C-alpha cells in the first residue's frame, strides 16, 4: 500500500456567479421593502418679512432648553394657555436660549403651527443681539 500514489487533487476555483446572484436578490429585496419617511418643512417668515407685514409689536415667546415655552412674564405655558393668552393671528417671535438644540426649536415651531399660529419667526434675545454686536 505504501507504493500506491494517489493523484493530486486540483484546486477548483470558486464560481462567484451564484454569490453575485444572491447579493443582487438581497439588494432588490431591501430596496423594494424599505419605506421612506416623508420629511416636512416648517414654514417661517424671515425677520424682514415679519417686520414689514404688520405695524403692531410682535408677541415674544421664550423657548427653554427642555422645550418649555414662556411669555414675557416668564411663566411656562401649556398648549391651552398659548392659545388663550396669545393672539394666534398676531406676529410671534420665538426666542430660543443660546444652547437650544435645533430639534427642540423645530418641535416648538411645529407645535405652534398645529395650534394655529400663522406668523412665527425666530429671533434673538436682546442679550444675544448685544453679545453678537460686540463680537463684530
Protein backbone atom coordinates (compact mmCIF):
# COMPACT_ATOMS: atom_id res chain seq x y z
CA UNK A 1 0.00 0.00 0.00
CA UNK A 2 2.82 2.30 0.54
CA UNK A 3 3.55 2.04 -3.13
CA UNK A 4 0.22 3.50 -4.18
CA UNK A 5 0.39 7.03 -5.38
CA UNK A 6 -2.82 8.99 -5.26
CA UNK A 7 -3.33 11.59 -7.96
CA UNK A 8 -3.05 15.17 -6.83
CA UNK A 9 -6.37 16.92 -6.47
CA UNK A 10 -6.60 20.09 -8.45
CA UNK A 11 -7.92 23.12 -6.62
CA UNK A 12 -11.16 24.16 -8.15
CA UNK A 13 -11.84 27.87 -8.42
CA UNK A 14 -15.00 29.07 -6.75
CA UNK A 15 -17.55 30.47 -9.11
CA UNK A 16 -18.78 33.91 -7.99
CA UNK A 17 -21.83 33.84 -10.24
CA UNK A 18 -24.07 32.35 -7.57
CA UNK A 19 -22.78 34.78 -4.94
CA UNK A 20 -23.46 37.76 -7.20
CA UNK A 21 -26.97 36.47 -7.85
CA UNK A 22 -27.68 36.17 -4.12
CA UNK A 23 -26.34 39.66 -3.42
CA UNK A 24 -28.45 41.09 -6.25
CA UNK A 25 -31.59 39.37 -4.94
CA UNK A 26 -30.95 40.67 -1.41
CA UNK A 27 -30.35 44.17 -2.77
CA UNK A 28 -33.63 44.10 -4.68
CA UNK A 29 -35.48 42.75 -1.64
CA UNK A 30 -34.25 45.52 0.67
CA UNK A 31 -34.86 48.23 -1.92
CA UNK A 32 -38.44 47.11 -2.52
CA UNK A 33 -39.38 46.53 1.12
CA UNK A 34 -37.86 49.67 2.60
CA UNK A 35 -40.07 52.63 3.34
CA UNK A 36 -39.02 56.23 3.15
CA UNK A 37 -40.24 58.79 5.62
CA UNK A 38 -41.71 61.96 4.25
CA UNK A 39 -39.88 64.99 5.57
CA UNK A 40 -41.96 68.05 6.14
CA UNK A 41 -40.78 71.62 6.11
CA UNK A 42 -41.51 74.13 8.84
CA UNK A 43 -42.82 77.34 7.33
CA UNK A 44 -41.46 80.54 8.83
CA UNK A 45 -41.28 84.18 7.93
CA UNK A 46 -37.97 85.96 7.75
CA UNK A 47 -37.48 88.81 10.20
CA UNK A 48 -37.66 91.32 7.34
CA UNK A 49 -40.97 89.93 6.08
CA UNK A 50 -42.34 89.82 9.61
CA UNK A 51 -41.41 93.44 10.30
CA UNK A 52 -42.98 94.75 7.10
CA UNK A 53 -46.13 92.62 7.30
CA UNK A 54 -47.55 94.28 10.40
CA UNK A 55 -47.03 97.54 12.24
CA UNK A 56 -48.03 96.12 15.64
CA UNK A 57 -45.50 94.95 18.19
CA UNK A 58 -44.95 91.18 17.91
CA UNK A 59 -45.62 88.77 20.75
CA UNK A 60 -42.47 87.33 22.31
CA UNK A 61 -42.14 83.70 23.37
CA UNK A 62 -39.02 82.29 25.00
CA UNK A 63 -38.02 78.68 24.35
CA UNK A 64 -36.11 76.88 27.10
CA UNK A 65 -33.65 74.04 26.59
CA UNK A 66 -36.29 71.47 27.53
CA UNK A 67 -38.84 72.84 25.02
CA UNK A 68 -40.96 74.82 27.52
CA UNK A 69 -42.44 77.99 26.09
CA UNK A 70 -42.81 81.04 28.30
CA UNK A 71 -44.08 84.56 27.72
CA UNK A 72 -42.57 87.86 28.83
CA UNK A 73 -43.71 87.28 32.42
CA UNK A 74 -41.52 84.12 32.43
CA UNK A 75 -44.37 81.76 33.19
CA UNK A 76 -44.38 78.37 31.49
CA UNK A 77 -47.24 77.99 29.05
CA UNK A 78 -49.14 74.85 28.17
CA UNK A 79 -50.77 74.43 24.77
CA UNK A 80 -54.14 75.60 26.07
CA UNK A 81 -52.53 78.64 27.73
CA UNK A 82 -50.74 79.51 24.49
CA UNK A 83 -53.98 79.77 22.56
CA UNK A 84 -55.90 81.52 25.34
CA UNK A 85 -53.23 84.05 26.43
CA UNK A 86 -51.84 84.90 22.99
CA UNK A 87 -53.46 86.01 19.75
CA UNK A 88 -52.64 83.32 17.19
CA UNK A 89 -53.10 85.71 14.26
CA UNK A 90 -50.55 88.25 15.59
CA UNK A 91 -46.87 88.11 14.59
CA UNK A 92 -44.96 85.99 17.10
CA UNK A 93 -41.20 85.91 17.69
CA UNK A 94 -39.78 82.70 19.15
CA UNK A 95 -36.58 83.33 21.10
CA UNK A 96 -34.66 80.13 21.86
CA UNK A 97 -31.96 80.12 24.53
CA UNK A 98 -28.41 80.06 23.11
CA UNK A 99 -27.78 76.33 23.71
CA UNK A 100 -31.15 75.07 22.48
CA UNK A 101 -30.87 72.15 20.08
CA UNK A 102 -32.28 72.55 16.58
CA UNK A 103 -34.69 69.63 17.05
CA UNK A 104 -36.26 71.36 20.08
CA UNK A 105 -36.76 74.53 18.01
CA UNK A 106 -38.32 72.60 15.12
CA UNK A 107 -40.61 70.74 17.54
CA UNK A 108 -41.74 74.05 19.08
CA UNK A 109 -42.39 75.59 15.65
CA UNK A 110 -44.39 72.53 14.59
CA UNK A 111 -46.37 72.65 17.84
CA UNK A 112 -47.16 76.34 17.30
CA UNK A 113 -48.25 75.67 13.71
CA UNK A 114 -50.54 72.89 14.94
CA UNK A 115 -52.07 75.30 17.45
CA UNK A 116 -52.87 77.74 14.65
CA UNK A 117 -50.10 80.36 14.85
CA UNK A 118 -49.75 81.81 11.36
CA UNK A 119 -46.91 84.36 11.66
CA UNK A 120 -43.98 82.86 13.55
CA UNK A 121 -40.34 83.81 13.15
CA UNK A 122 -37.14 83.12 15.10
CA UNK A 123 -35.44 85.91 16.96
CA UNK A 124 -32.59 86.59 19.34
CA UNK A 125 -32.98 87.97 22.81
CA UNK A 126 -31.53 91.41 23.47
CA UNK A 127 -28.59 89.94 25.40
CA UNK A 128 -27.75 87.64 22.46
CA UNK A 129 -28.02 90.52 19.99
CA UNK A 130 -25.78 92.73 22.15
CA UNK A 131 -23.22 89.94 22.50
CA UNK A 132 -23.24 89.32 18.73
CA UNK A 133 -22.84 93.05 18.05
CA UNK A 134 -19.92 93.23 20.48
CA UNK A 135 -18.04 90.48 18.65
CA UNK A 136 -18.17 92.28 15.30
